[in-house]
């Protein structure tokens, strides 16, 4: 988180589960960033993060600048240093 903060990046997660189930998930995994609910998968669809079955979610990382420009996009879980370097 410190590297993201130094780069001015606010991470958050998006998950299709409902808000009520997120509380336990966040607590269990000790997330220190917001987790947003996307039950109809509209965000996942817009960012091309749906798997071929149109239900499953492919882990993806996007950095969106304040002006809405996508500064970084990668499927999977790229290293923090790569995200910060490419998004700066």
N, C-alpha and C. Protein backbone atom coordinates (compact mmCIF):
# COMPACT_ATOMS: atom_id res chain seq x y z
N UNK A 1 0.82 -1.19 0.00
CA UNK A 1 0.00 0.00 0.00
C UNK A 1 0.86 1.25 0.00
N UNK A 2 2.00 1.21 0.68
CA UNK A 2 2.85 2.40 0.75
C UNK A 2 3.31 2.82 -0.64
N UNK A 3 3.66 1.88 -1.48
CA UNK A 3 4.11 2.21 -2.84
C UNK A 3 2.98 2.83 -3.66
N UNK A 4 1.77 2.30 -3.50
CA UNK A 4 0.63 2.87 -4.20
C UNK A 4 0.37 4.30 -3.70
N UNK A 5 0.40 4.48 -2.39
CA UNK A 5 0.15 5.80 -1.82
C UNK A 5 1.19 6.80 -2.29
N UNK A 6 2.46 6.40 -2.32
CA UNK A 6 3.52 7.30 -2.78
C UNK A 6 3.31 7.70 -4.24
N UNK A 7 2.73 6.81 -5.03
CA UNK A 7 2.48 7.10 -6.45
C UNK A 7 1.14 7.80 -6.66
N UNK A 8 0.40 8.03 -5.58
CA UNK A 8 -0.90 8.68 -5.71
C UNK A 8 -1.98 7.78 -6.26
N UNK A 9 -1.82 6.47 -6.06
CA UNK A 9 -2.78 5.48 -6.57
C UNK A 9 -3.64 4.98 -5.42
N UNK A 10 -4.96 5.01 -5.59
CA UNK A 10 -5.89 4.46 -4.60
C UNK A 10 -6.40 3.11 -5.12
N UNK A 11 -5.85 2.01 -4.59
CA UNK A 11 -6.33 0.70 -5.03
C UNK A 11 -7.73 0.40 -4.48
N UNK A 12 -8.49 -0.36 -5.23
CA UNK A 12 -9.74 -0.92 -4.76
C UNK A 12 -10.01 -2.18 -5.56
N UNK A 13 -10.80 -3.05 -4.99
CA UNK A 13 -11.15 -4.29 -5.66
C UNK A 13 -12.60 -4.25 -6.12
N UNK A 14 -12.90 -5.06 -7.11
CA UNK A 14 -14.27 -5.20 -7.60
C UNK A 14 -14.57 -6.69 -7.63
N UNK A 15 -15.71 -7.06 -7.05
CA UNK A 15 -16.06 -8.46 -6.90
C UNK A 15 -17.57 -8.60 -7.14
N UNK A 16 -18.01 -9.69 -7.78
CA UNK A 16 -19.44 -9.82 -8.06
C UNK A 16 -20.30 -10.16 -6.85
N UNK A 17 -19.70 -10.51 -5.73
CA UNK A 17 -20.48 -10.85 -4.54
C UNK A 17 -21.20 -9.61 -4.01
N UNK A 18 -22.23 -9.84 -3.22
CA UNK A 18 -22.98 -8.74 -2.64
C UNK A 18 -22.22 -8.04 -1.53
N UNK A 19 -22.63 -6.84 -1.24
CA UNK A 19 -21.97 -6.01 -0.23
C UNK A 19 -21.93 -6.72 1.12
N UNK A 20 -23.01 -7.38 1.50
CA UNK A 20 -23.08 -8.04 2.80
C UNK A 20 -22.03 -9.15 2.93
N UNK A 21 -21.74 -9.85 1.86
CA UNK A 21 -20.73 -10.92 1.94
C UNK A 21 -19.31 -10.35 1.93
N UNK A 22 -19.14 -9.13 1.45
CA UNK A 22 -17.82 -8.52 1.40
C UNK A 22 -17.23 -8.26 2.78
N UNK A 23 -18.05 -7.93 3.74
CA UNK A 23 -17.55 -7.61 5.08
C UNK A 23 -16.73 -8.77 5.65
N UNK A 24 -17.26 -9.97 5.59
CA UNK A 24 -16.54 -11.14 6.09
C UNK A 24 -15.30 -11.45 5.27
N UNK A 25 -15.40 -11.29 3.98
CA UNK A 25 -14.29 -11.56 3.06
C UNK A 25 -13.14 -10.58 3.32
N UNK A 26 -13.47 -9.31 3.46
CA UNK A 26 -12.47 -8.28 3.71
C UNK A 26 -11.78 -8.54 5.05
N UNK A 27 -12.57 -8.89 6.06
CA UNK A 27 -12.01 -9.15 7.38
C UNK A 27 -11.12 -10.40 7.36
N UNK A 28 -11.57 -11.45 6.71
CA UNK A 28 -10.82 -12.71 6.65
C UNK A 28 -9.47 -12.52 5.95
N UNK A 29 -9.46 -11.76 4.85
CA UNK A 29 -8.24 -11.58 4.07
C UNK A 29 -7.47 -10.32 4.43
N UNK A 30 -7.99 -9.57 5.41
CA UNK A 30 -7.31 -8.36 5.91
C UNK A 30 -7.04 -7.33 4.82
N UNK A 31 -8.01 -7.13 3.95
CA UNK A 31 -7.86 -6.11 2.91
C UNK A 31 -7.77 -4.73 3.56
N UNK A 32 -6.90 -3.90 3.05
CA UNK A 32 -6.78 -2.53 3.55
C UNK A 32 -7.11 -1.54 2.42
N UNK A 33 -8.06 -1.96 1.57
CA UNK A 33 -8.54 -1.12 0.48
C UNK A 33 -10.02 -1.44 0.28
N UNK A 34 -10.75 -0.52 -0.32
CA UNK A 34 -12.19 -0.76 -0.53
C UNK A 34 -12.44 -1.91 -1.51
N UNK A 35 -13.52 -2.63 -1.28
CA UNK A 35 -13.96 -3.70 -2.17
C UNK A 35 -15.37 -3.35 -2.63
N UNK A 36 -15.52 -3.15 -3.94
CA UNK A 36 -16.80 -2.75 -4.52
C UNK A 36 -17.57 -3.97 -5.01
N UNK A 37 -18.88 -3.88 -4.97
CA UNK A 37 -19.73 -4.98 -5.41
C UNK A 37 -20.18 -4.74 -6.86
N UNK A 38 -20.09 -5.80 -7.67
CA UNK A 38 -20.48 -5.74 -9.08
C UNK A 38 -21.36 -6.95 -9.40
N UNK A 39 -22.54 -7.05 -8.75
CA UNK A 39 -23.35 -8.27 -8.89
C UNK A 39 -23.82 -8.57 -10.31
N UNK A 40 -24.03 -7.54 -11.12
CA UNK A 40 -24.46 -7.80 -12.49
C UNK A 40 -23.28 -7.88 -13.46
N UNK A 41 -22.07 -7.77 -12.91
CA UNK A 41 -20.81 -7.89 -13.66
C UNK A 41 -20.64 -6.80 -14.73
N UNK A 42 -21.28 -5.68 -14.54
CA UNK A 42 -21.17 -4.58 -15.51
C UNK A 42 -19.76 -4.02 -15.56
N UNK A 43 -19.13 -3.87 -14.40
CA UNK A 43 -17.75 -3.35 -14.37
C UNK A 43 -16.81 -4.36 -15.00
N UNK A 44 -16.95 -5.62 -14.62
CA UNK A 44 -16.10 -6.67 -15.19
C UNK A 44 -16.26 -6.73 -16.70
N UNK A 45 -17.47 -6.59 -17.17
CA UNK A 45 -17.73 -6.62 -18.62
C UNK A 45 -17.08 -5.40 -19.29
N UNK A 46 -17.24 -4.23 -18.71
CA UNK A 46 -16.70 -3.00 -19.29
C UNK A 46 -15.18 -3.04 -19.38
N UNK A 47 -14.54 -3.71 -18.41
CA UNK A 47 -13.07 -3.79 -18.40
C UNK A 47 -12.55 -5.11 -18.94
N UNK A 48 -13.39 -5.84 -19.64
CA UNK A 48 -12.99 -7.09 -20.31
C UNK A 48 -12.35 -8.08 -19.33
N UNK A 49 -12.95 -8.19 -18.14
CA UNK A 49 -12.42 -9.09 -17.13
C UNK A 49 -13.27 -10.35 -16.97
N UNK A 50 -14.29 -10.52 -17.82
CA UNK A 50 -15.09 -11.74 -17.76
C UNK A 50 -14.39 -12.88 -18.50
N UNK A 51 -14.51 -14.06 -17.94
CA UNK A 51 -13.98 -15.24 -18.62
C UNK A 51 -14.92 -15.61 -19.77
N UNK A 52 -14.54 -16.58 -20.57
CA UNK A 52 -15.32 -16.97 -21.75
C UNK A 52 -16.74 -17.41 -21.42
N UNK A 53 -16.97 -17.90 -20.19
CA UNK A 53 -18.32 -18.34 -19.81
C UNK A 53 -19.24 -17.16 -19.47
N UNK A 54 -18.73 -15.94 -19.52
CA UNK A 54 -19.47 -14.71 -19.23
C UNK A 54 -19.96 -14.64 -17.79
N UNK A 55 -19.41 -15.45 -16.91
CA UNK A 55 -19.78 -15.45 -15.48
C UNK A 55 -18.54 -15.28 -14.61
N UNK A 56 -17.53 -16.10 -14.86
CA UNK A 56 -16.32 -16.06 -14.05
C UNK A 56 -15.53 -14.79 -14.31
N UNK A 57 -14.77 -14.39 -13.32
CA UNK A 57 -13.99 -13.17 -13.42
C UNK A 57 -12.51 -13.52 -13.52
N UNK A 58 -11.84 -12.93 -14.49
CA UNK A 58 -10.39 -13.07 -14.65
C UNK A 58 -9.74 -11.92 -13.89
N UNK A 59 -8.90 -12.26 -12.90
CA UNK A 59 -8.22 -11.20 -12.15
C UNK A 59 -7.51 -10.28 -13.14
N UNK A 60 -7.75 -9.01 -12.98
CA UNK A 60 -7.18 -8.01 -13.87
C UNK A 60 -6.83 -6.77 -13.04
N UNK A 61 -5.82 -6.05 -13.50
CA UNK A 61 -5.40 -4.82 -12.83
C UNK A 61 -5.48 -3.67 -13.83
N UNK A 62 -6.19 -2.64 -13.44
CA UNK A 62 -6.29 -1.42 -14.24
C UNK A 62 -5.93 -0.24 -13.36
N UNK A 63 -5.21 0.71 -13.93
CA UNK A 63 -4.99 2.00 -13.28
C UNK A 63 -5.65 3.02 -14.18
N UNK A 64 -6.59 3.75 -13.61
CA UNK A 64 -7.33 4.75 -14.36
C UNK A 64 -6.95 6.13 -13.79
N UNK A 65 -6.44 6.99 -14.67
CA UNK A 65 -6.08 8.35 -14.25
C UNK A 65 -7.34 9.13 -13.89
N UNK A 66 -7.15 10.22 -13.20
CA UNK A 66 -8.27 11.07 -12.78
C UNK A 66 -9.10 11.56 -13.97
N UNK A 67 -8.48 11.66 -15.14
CA UNK A 67 -9.21 12.12 -16.33
C UNK A 67 -9.92 10.99 -17.06
N UNK A 68 -9.84 9.75 -16.50
CA UNK A 68 -10.51 8.60 -17.09
C UNK A 68 -9.67 7.79 -18.05
N UNK A 69 -8.44 8.22 -18.29
CA UNK A 69 -7.54 7.50 -19.19
C UNK A 69 -6.99 6.25 -18.49
N UNK A 70 -7.01 5.12 -19.19
CA UNK A 70 -6.42 3.90 -18.64
C UNK A 70 -4.91 4.00 -18.81
N UNK A 71 -4.20 4.06 -17.68
CA UNK A 71 -2.75 4.22 -17.69
C UNK A 71 -2.04 2.88 -17.63
N UNK A 72 -2.73 1.84 -17.17
CA UNK A 72 -2.12 0.52 -17.05
C UNK A 72 -3.23 -0.51 -17.10
N UNK A 73 -3.01 -1.60 -17.81
CA UNK A 73 -3.99 -2.69 -17.88
C UNK A 73 -3.23 -4.00 -18.04
N UNK A 74 -3.54 -4.96 -17.18
CA UNK A 74 -2.88 -6.26 -17.27
C UNK A 74 -3.75 -7.31 -16.60
N UNK A 75 -3.89 -8.45 -17.25
CA UNK A 75 -4.57 -9.60 -16.62
C UNK A 75 -3.62 -10.25 -15.64
N UNK A 76 -4.19 -10.89 -14.65
CA UNK A 76 -3.37 -11.56 -13.64
C UNK A 76 -3.08 -10.63 -12.48
N UNK A 77 -1.97 -10.88 -11.82
CA UNK A 77 -1.57 -10.10 -10.65
C UNK A 77 -0.14 -9.62 -10.82
N UNK A 78 0.07 -8.58 -11.62
CA UNK A 78 1.43 -8.08 -11.85
C UNK A 78 2.04 -7.54 -10.55
N UNK A 79 3.36 -7.51 -10.47
CA UNK A 79 4.03 -6.99 -9.28
C UNK A 79 3.68 -5.50 -9.06
N UNK A 80 3.62 -5.10 -7.82
CA UNK A 80 3.31 -3.73 -7.47
C UNK A 80 4.27 -2.76 -8.15
N UNK A 81 5.55 -3.08 -8.16
CA UNK A 81 6.53 -2.18 -8.77
C UNK A 81 6.25 -1.94 -10.25
N UNK A 82 5.79 -2.97 -10.94
CA UNK A 82 5.45 -2.81 -12.36
C UNK A 82 4.22 -1.92 -12.54
N UNK A 83 3.23 -2.11 -11.69
CA UNK A 83 2.02 -1.28 -11.77
C UNK A 83 2.38 0.18 -11.55
N UNK A 84 3.11 0.45 -10.49
CA UNK A 84 3.46 1.82 -10.13
C UNK A 84 4.33 2.46 -11.20
N UNK A 85 5.31 1.72 -11.72
CA UNK A 85 6.21 2.26 -12.73
C UNK A 85 5.48 2.60 -14.03
N UNK A 86 4.57 1.76 -14.45
CA UNK A 86 3.86 1.96 -15.71
C UNK A 86 2.75 3.00 -15.59
N UNK A 87 2.25 3.17 -14.38
CA UNK A 87 1.14 4.10 -14.17
C UNK A 87 1.62 5.51 -13.86
N UNK A 88 2.90 5.68 -13.60
CA UNK A 88 3.41 7.00 -13.22
C UNK A 88 3.65 7.86 -14.43
